[in-house]
Amino acid sequence: IIIIMKARYICNNLKKTSKSLNGRILVLTGARQTGKTTIAKTLFEDYEYLSIEDPVLSQALSQLSSKQWKTNYPKAVLDEVQKTPNLIRSIKSVYDQWDEPRYILLGSSQLLLLKKVKESLADRCVIKEMYPLTLPELRTNSFDDLVDESILQKVLINGEVFPLLPSFVLDSKHAEKMNAWNHYLKFGGYPALVNEERSTKDKYEWLAGYVRTYLERDVRDLAAINDLEPYTKLQKVLALQTGSLCNISSLSTKVAVSTPTVKKYLQYLSLSYQTLSLPSWEKNESKRLVKTPKVHFLDYGVVQAVLGKQAMPNGNEFESLIVSEIYKQAKQLDINVNFYHLRTADGREVDLLVETEHGYYAFEVKQADHVANTDARHLRDLSEILNDKPLIHSFVLSNDIETKELGENITAVHAAYFLG
C-alpha cells in the first residue's frame, strides 16, 4: 500500500521547540495512530529511533549509565516510553548533566504525561499533543505542503473577524474543502484512512480494529482493568449520546457500575484522547446556570466503529465533530484557549464557547442545509450573561452555503468554509 502522508501544522512548532534550550526533552503524546512516530522519524532523521516495545532493546537501554546515554545516543526518539519509567530517569540524569543531548519521547496516553513525566521531568520538558488530522491538513497532498490556516484559526490569532465571502461556492478552494469535508464526515481524521487504495470496507475495518486495539492495549496499560465489559459498555453509551450532558448517576445506572467507577472510566476515556469533556461555563453567579459537563467524542470515525454503524452523522454527532474540529484547530495555535458549553436553567443553550485572552467566541452548530434567523436565538444578548470578558463574535456553523448576518456580531457560515 502506498502511504500518503499529509502535512501537519504542528511540524514547524516541533522543529523550533526541539532547537530551543527548553525543548531538549520534547514529549509528543496523543491517541494511537495519530502519526506521532511518523512525524518523529520524518522530522528528526538525525535522531536514533528506539522502540521501547522491543523487550531486548528496552532491557539493554535500561542498563546504560547516563554517560553511555550521552555517548551512544546524544539524539534519540524513544517510542512508547511510558512503559519503562527507569528510562525516563536516565534521560533526566543526562539532561541535568549536559546541555547538548536532545530527546523526543513518544507515548499514546496522557498517563505518560500525568504520572511518569511529571514525577521525573518536572520543568525539564515541553509537552506537545497530537490529534487526528484537521480539515486543512486533510487538504494537503504531501508531508512538505504548507498547511493553510482556517478562517477559525485566523480569527483566533488576530482576535477579530474579517469580511467573509457571501457564499462558500465563491471560495477558490471550495472543491478541495468539500472533498476534505466529505471524507471527514464519512471517516473522521485518522491519517491511515486518507489512503485512496483502501476501499470503504477496508477503512471501516481499520476503524473497528483501532477500537479493538485501543480496548485491549491502551485501556489495559492505562488502568489495568481486568474486566473490560463495563468500560466497553460505557464507551458505547457515551458514543450513543455524544454531545449530550454527562449525568454521572444516569451513566452509573445504565452501565451498572458505581459512580466513582464511572468517573474513573470517564477520566480514562479523556486521558487516552478518545473523548473531550467540555465543562459548563459558570462564572456569572447571578444567573442560574446548569453545571454539568458535556462529553464529545474526538473523532467521528471512532464513534461509528464503537457503535458498529456506517452512516452520515446525526444531529448530536454532527455537533461533536464540529466541536472537536474547533478544539483540535485551536489547540494547534500558540495561544491560551479555554472551551466551555453554556446552558441556563431557563433553557438557553450555547454549544461551544471558546475563551481567548481577548474575549469569547460563541458557536451554535446546526446540521441543516438552510439557516434561519431563529437559529441564532440562543446567541442573542449573550453578552449579558458573559460578564467577565467581551463577547467578540458569535457563529452559526451549518451546511448552508450562504454566509448570513443574523444579528449584530452573529454570522452564519458553512462549517467547511469556516473550518476547512
Foldseek 3Di string as FASTA:
>chain_A
DDAFDFADLLLVVLVVLQPDLLALEEEEEEAPQQCPVVSCCVNCVVFAEAECVPVVSVVVLLPDALVCCCVVGLGHEYEQCLVPLSNLLSVLVNSVPDRRRGYYYYHQFCVCVPPSCCVRPPSRHHYDYGDFDFLQRLLGGHRPDDRDAFQLLVCQVVVAHDDDDQFLVPPPCSVSLVVSVVCQQFAWGRSVPSDPPQDSVNSLVVLLVSVVCCQVPVCCVPPVDPDCQLLLQLVLVCLVQALDFDDQVVSCVSSVHDSVVSVVSVVSCVRSQQKDWAFEDDPFPVFAWDGTTGIAGLGLNNSCSSNVHRDGDDFNNQLRPLVNSSVNSVSSDPFDKHKHWTAGPVGQTFSIWIQGPQGIETEAEDADQDDDLVSCVSVPPCQVRVPPHGHRAYEYEYNHRGWDDSDVRYIYHHSSNRRD
